[in-house]
Amino acid sequence: MAIEICKKLNIPLVHFSFPNTRRAGLSDTPNLGFKGMLSLVESLINRVLFNDV
């Protein structure tokens, strides 16, 4: 439901949860702590600047 609303309003959406069922990835990207925060900020910046994460 959130995806459809964001598409309709043209709002970037960043999924950040564990487990993330919307994205496949075989990397060791952290989700917790300082490194997890850096990963979240990186995802947000990429989504806003490039609308492609």
PDB file of N, CA and C in Angstrom:
ATOM      1  N   MET A   1       0.809  -1.185   0.000  1.00  0.00           N
ATOM      2  CA  MET A   1       0.000   0.000   0.000  1.00  0.00           C
ATOM      3  C   MET A   1       0.861   1.261   0.000  1.00  0.00           C
ATOM      4  N   ALA A   2       1.949   1.258   0.759  1.00  0.00           N
ATOM      5  CA  ALA A   2       2.818   2.427   0.823  1.00  0.00           C
ATOM      6  C   ALA A   2       3.460   2.708  -0.534  1.00  0.00           C
ATOM      7  N   ILE A   3       3.779   1.654  -1.264  1.00  0.00           N
ATOM      8  CA  ILE A   3       4.412   1.829  -2.572  1.00  0.00           C
ATOM      9  C   ILE A   3       3.477   2.558  -3.525  1.00  0.00           C
ATOM     10  N   GLU A   4       2.222   2.164  -3.547  1.00  0.00           N
ATOM     11  CA  GLU A   4       1.255   2.811  -4.443  1.00  0.00           C
ATOM     12  C   GLU A   4       1.044   4.274  -4.074  1.00  0.00           C
ATOM     13  N   ILE A   5       0.979   4.571  -2.782  1.00  0.00           N
ATOM     14  CA  ILE A   5       0.793   5.961  -2.342  1.00  0.00           C
ATOM     15  C   ILE A   5       1.990   6.809  -2.742  1.00  0.00           C
ATOM     16  N   CYS A   6       3.189   6.297  -2.531  1.00  0.00           N
ATOM     17  CA  CYS A   6       4.396   7.050  -2.880  1.00  0.00           C
ATOM     18  C   CYS A   6       4.503   7.265  -4.382  1.00  0.00           C
ATOM     19  N   LYS A   7       4.132   6.273  -5.170  1.00  0.00           N
ATOM     20  CA  LYS A   7       4.151   6.439  -6.625  1.00  0.00           C
ATOM     21  C   LYS A   7       3.143   7.491  -7.060  1.00  0.00           C
ATOM     22  N   LYS A   8       1.963   7.453  -6.461  1.00  0.00           N
ATOM     23  CA  LYS A   8       0.912   8.408  -6.815  1.00  0.00           C
ATOM     24  C   LYS A   8       1.317   9.839  -6.475  1.00  0.00           C
ATOM     25  N   LEU A   9       1.965  10.029  -5.322  1.00  0.00           N
ATOM     26  CA  LEU A   9       2.370  11.361  -4.878  1.00  0.00           C
ATOM     27  C   LEU A   9       3.776  11.739  -5.326  1.00  0.00           C
ATOM     28  N   ASN A  10       4.449  10.824  -6.043  1.00  0.00           N
ATOM     29  CA  ASN A  10       5.815  11.038  -6.528  1.00  0.00           C
ATOM     30  C   ASN A  10       6.773  11.341  -5.372  1.00  0.00           C
ATOM     31  N   ILE A  11       6.698  10.501  -4.338  1.00  0.00           N
ATOM     32  CA  ILE A  11       7.544  10.630  -3.159  1.00  0.00           C
ATOM     33  C   ILE A  11       8.530   9.468  -3.152  1.00  0.00           C
ATOM     34  N   PRO A  12       9.833   9.729  -2.983  1.00  0.00           N
ATOM     35  CA  PRO A  12      10.799   8.637  -2.901  1.00  0.00           C
ATOM     36  C   PRO A  12      10.534   7.764  -1.676  1.00  0.00           C
ATOM     37  N   LEU A  13      10.659   6.467  -1.840  1.00  0.00           N
ATOM     38  CA  LEU A  13      10.436   5.526  -0.749  1.00  0.00           C
ATOM     39  C   LEU A  13      11.687   4.685  -0.559  1.00  0.00           C
ATOM     40  N   VAL A  14      12.195   4.646   0.667  1.00  0.00           N
ATOM     41  CA  VAL A  14      13.360   3.836   0.996  1.00  0.00           C
ATOM     42  C   VAL A  14      12.920   2.768   1.981  1.00  0.00           C
ATOM     43  N   HIS A  15      13.088   1.507   1.597  1.00  0.00           N
ATOM     44  CA  HIS A  15      12.778   0.397   2.496  1.00  0.00           C
ATOM     45  C   HIS A  15      13.995   0.158   3.370  1.00  0.00           C
ATOM     46  N   PHE A  16      13.804   0.228   4.668  1.00  0.00           N
ATOM     47  CA  PHE A  16      14.907  -0.037   5.593  1.00  0.00           C
ATOM     48  C   PHE A  16      14.354  -0.828   6.760  1.00  0.00           C
ATOM     49  N   SER A  17      14.433  -2.127   6.645  1.00  0.00           N
ATOM     50  CA  SER A  17      13.941  -2.998   7.706  1.00  0.00           C
ATOM     51  C   SER A  17      14.668  -4.331   7.623  1.00  0.00           C
ATOM     52  N   PHE A  18      14.463  -5.133   8.628  1.00  0.00           N
ATOM     53  CA  PHE A  18      15.040  -6.467   8.609  1.00  0.00           C
ATOM     54  C   PHE A  18      13.956  -7.456   8.974  1.00  0.00           C
ATOM     55  N   PRO A  19      13.686  -8.449   8.222  1.00  0.00           N
ATOM     56  CA  PRO A  19      14.240  -8.687   6.890  1.00  0.00           C
ATOM     57  C   PRO A  19      13.536  -7.842   5.843  1.00  0.00           C
ATOM     58  N   ASN A  20      14.264  -7.443   4.848  1.00  0.00           N
ATOM     59  CA  ASN A  20      13.711  -6.657   3.754  1.00  0.00           C
ATOM     60  C   ASN A  20      13.257  -7.625   2.675  1.00  0.00           C
ATOM     61  N   THR A  21      11.964  -7.710   2.463  1.00  0.00           N
ATOM     62  CA  THR A  21      11.418  -8.667   1.506  1.00  0.00           C
ATOM     63  C   THR A  21      11.193  -8.057   0.134  1.00  0.00           C
ATOM     64  N   ARG A  22      11.485  -6.782  -0.027  1.00  0.00           N
ATOM     65  CA  ARG A  22      11.267  -6.097  -1.303  1.00  0.00           C
ATOM     66  C   ARG A  22      12.530  -6.000  -2.149  1.00  0.00           C
ATOM     67  N   ARG A  23      13.650  -6.432  -1.613  1.00  0.00           N
ATOM     68  CA  ARG A  23      14.907  -6.243  -2.326  1.00  0.00           C
ATOM     69  C   ARG A  23      15.827  -7.432  -2.072  1.00  0.00           C
ATOM     70  N   ALA A  24      16.426  -7.917  -3.126  1.00  0.00           N
ATOM     71  CA  ALA A  24      17.381  -9.015  -2.985  1.00  0.00           C
ATOM     72  C   ALA A  24      18.786  -8.438  -2.903  1.00  0.00           C
ATOM     73  N   GLY A  25      19.558  -8.951  -1.991  1.00  0.00           N
ATOM     74  CA  GLY A  25      20.928  -8.476  -1.875  1.00  0.00           C
ATOM     75  C   GLY A  25      21.770  -9.466  -1.100  1.00  0.00           C
ATOM     76  N   LEU A  26      22.904  -9.766  -1.636  1.00  0.00           N
ATOM     77  CA  LEU A  26      23.810 -10.697  -0.981  1.00  0.00           C
ATOM     78  C   LEU A  26      25.040  -9.945  -0.499  1.00  0.00           C
ATOM     79  N   SER A  27      24.803  -8.904   0.261  1.00  0.00           N
ATOM     80  CA  SER A  27      25.916  -8.126   0.784  1.00  0.00           C
ATOM     81  C   SER A  27      25.851  -8.113   2.301  1.00  0.00           C
ATOM     82  N   ASP A  28      26.902  -7.638   2.902  1.00  0.00           N
ATOM     83  CA  ASP A  28      26.948  -7.571   4.362  1.00  0.00           C
ATOM     84  C   ASP A  28      26.668  -6.144   4.842  1.00  0.00           C
ATOM     85  N   THR A  29      25.688  -5.492   4.226  1.00  0.00           N
ATOM     86  CA  THR A  29      25.316  -4.143   4.621  1.00  0.00           C
ATOM     87  C   THR A  29      24.707  -4.182   6.018  1.00  0.00           C
ATOM     88  N   PRO A  30      25.272  -3.410   6.950  1.00  0.00           N
ATOM     89  CA  PRO A  30      24.755  -3.435   8.320  1.00  0.00           C
ATOM     90  C   PRO A  30      23.420  -2.708   8.448  1.00  0.00           C
ATOM     91  N   ASN A  31      22.621  -3.116   9.429  1.00  0.00           N
ATOM     92  CA  ASN A  31      21.332  -2.485   9.690  1.00  0.00           C
ATOM     93  C   ASN A  31      21.271  -1.827  11.056  1.00  0.00           C
ATOM     94  N   LEU A  32      22.224  -2.091  11.922  1.00  0.00           N
ATOM     95  CA  LEU A  32      22.200  -1.578  13.288  1.00  0.00           C
ATOM     96  C   LEU A  32      23.454  -0.784  13.603  1.00  0.00           C
ATOM     97  N   GLY A  33      23.360   0.090  14.588  1.00  0.00           N
ATOM     98  CA  GLY A  33      24.510   0.825  15.074  1.00  0.00           C
ATOM     99  C   GLY A  33      24.949   1.941  14.144  1.00  0.00           C
ATOM    100  N   PHE A  34      26.174   2.409  14.367  1.00  0.00           N
ATOM    101  CA  PHE A  34      26.706   3.525  13.592  1.00  0.00           C
ATOM    102  C   PHE A  34      26.814   3.180  12.112  1.00  0.00           C
ATOM    103  N   LYS A  35      27.308   1.996  11.803  1.00  0.00           N
ATOM    104  CA  LYS A  35      27.433   1.590  10.399  1.00  0.00           C
ATOM    105  C   LYS A  35      26.066   1.424   9.746  1.00  0.00           C
ATOM    106  N   GLY A  36      25.090   0.987  10.496  1.00  0.00           N
ATOM    107  CA  GLY A  36      23.730   0.892   9.975  1.00  0.00           C
ATOM    108  C   GLY A  36      23.156   2.261   9.666  1.00  0.00           C
ATOM    109  N   MET A  37      23.466   3.248  10.523  1.00  0.00           N
ATOM    110  CA  MET A  37      23.020   4.613  10.293  1.00  0.00           C
ATOM    111  C   MET A  37      23.655   5.172   9.024  1.00  0.00           C
ATOM    112  N   LEU A  38      24.922   4.888   8.820  1.00  0.00           N
ATOM    113  CA  LEU A  38      25.592   5.336   7.598  1.00  0.00           C
ATOM    114  C   LEU A  38      24.960   4.699   6.364  1.00  0.00           C
ATOM    115  N   SER A  39      24.606   3.441   6.466  1.00  0.00           N
ATOM    116  CA  SER A  39      23.944   2.750   5.357  1.00  0.00           C
ATOM    117  C   SER A  39      22.592   3.381   5.054  1.00  0.00           C
ATOM    118  N   LEU A  40      21.835   3.719   6.093  1.00  0.00           N
ATOM    119  CA  LEU A  40      20.534   4.365   5.913  1.00  0.00           C
ATOM    120  C   LEU A  40      20.686   5.737   5.267  1.00  0.00           C
ATOM    121  N   VAL A  41      21.637   6.535   5.736  1.00  0.00           N
ATOM    122  CA  VAL A  41      21.865   7.868   5.165  1.00  0.00           C
ATOM    123  C   VAL A  41      22.272   7.750   3.702  1.00  0.00           C
ATOM    124  N   GLU A  42      23.121   6.793   3.386  1.00  0.00           N
ATOM    125  CA  GLU A  42      23.533   6.578   2.003  1.00  0.00           C
ATOM    126  C   GLU A  42      22.333   6.229   1.120  1.00  0.00           C
ATOM    127  N   SER A  43      21.464   5.364   1.604  1.00  0.00           N
ATOM    128  CA  SER A  43      20.267   4.993   0.844  1.00  0.00           C
ATOM    129  C   SER A  43      19.347   6.185   0.635  1.00  0.00           C
ATOM    130  N   LEU A  44      19.164   6.994   1.675  1.00  0.00           N
ATOM    131  CA  LEU A  44      18.307   8.178   1.562  1.00  0.00           C
ATOM    132  C   LEU A  44      18.857   9.181   0.559  1.00  0.00           C
ATOM    133  N   ILE A  45      20.152   9.441   0.624  1.00  0.00           N
ATOM    134  CA  ILE A  45      20.771  10.398  -0.302  1.00  0.00           C
ATOM    135  C   ILE A  45      20.668   9.898  -1.734  1.00  0.00           C
ATOM    136  N   ASN A  46      20.944   8.619  -1.953  1.00  0.00           N
ATOM    137  CA  ASN A  46      20.830   8.071  -3.303  1.00  0.00           C
ATOM    138  C   ASN A  46      19.407   8.170  -3.827  1.00  0.00           C
ATOM    139  N   ARG A  47      18.427   7.893  -2.972  1.00  0.00           N
ATOM    140  CA  ARG A  47      17.026   7.949  -3.398  1.00  0.00           C
ATOM    141  C   ARG A  47      16.626   9.377  -3.752  1.00  0.00           C
ATOM    142  N   VAL A  48      17.031  10.343  -2.949  1.00  0.00           N
ATOM    143  CA  VAL A  48      16.652  11.737  -3.198  1.00  0.00           C
ATOM    144  C   VAL A  48      17.381  12.295  -4.418  1.00  0.00           C
ATOM    145  N   LEU A  49      18.676  12.049  -4.518  1.00  0.00           N
ATOM    146  CA  LEU A  49      19.452  12.629  -5.617  1.00  0.00           C
ATOM    147  C   LEU A  49      19.204  11.937  -6.947  1.00  0.00           C
ATOM    148  N   PHE A  50      19.138  10.627  -6.927  1.00  0.00           N
ATOM    149  CA  PHE A  50      19.090   9.883  -8.178  1.00  0.00           C
ATOM    150  C   PHE A  50      17.768   9.167  -8.403  1.00  0.00           C
ATOM    151  N   ASN A  51      16.908   9.142  -7.388  1.00  0.00           N
ATOM    152  CA  ASN A  51      15.637   8.427  -7.445  1.00  0.00           C
ATOM    153  C   ASN A  51      15.847   6.997  -7.925  1.00  0.00           C
ATOM    154  N   ASP A  52      16.966   6.427  -7.503  1.00  0.00           N
ATOM    155  CA  ASP A  52      17.331   5.075  -7.917  1.00  0.00           C
ATOM    156  C   ASP A  52      18.199   4.453  -6.843  1.00  0.00           C
ATOM    157  N   VAL A  53      17.644   3.501  -6.116  1.00  0.00           N
ATOM    158  CA  VAL A  53      18.429   2.822  -5.090  1.00  0.00           C
ATOM    159  C   VAL A  53      18.385   1.341  -5.362  1.00  0.00           C
TER     160      VAL A  53
END
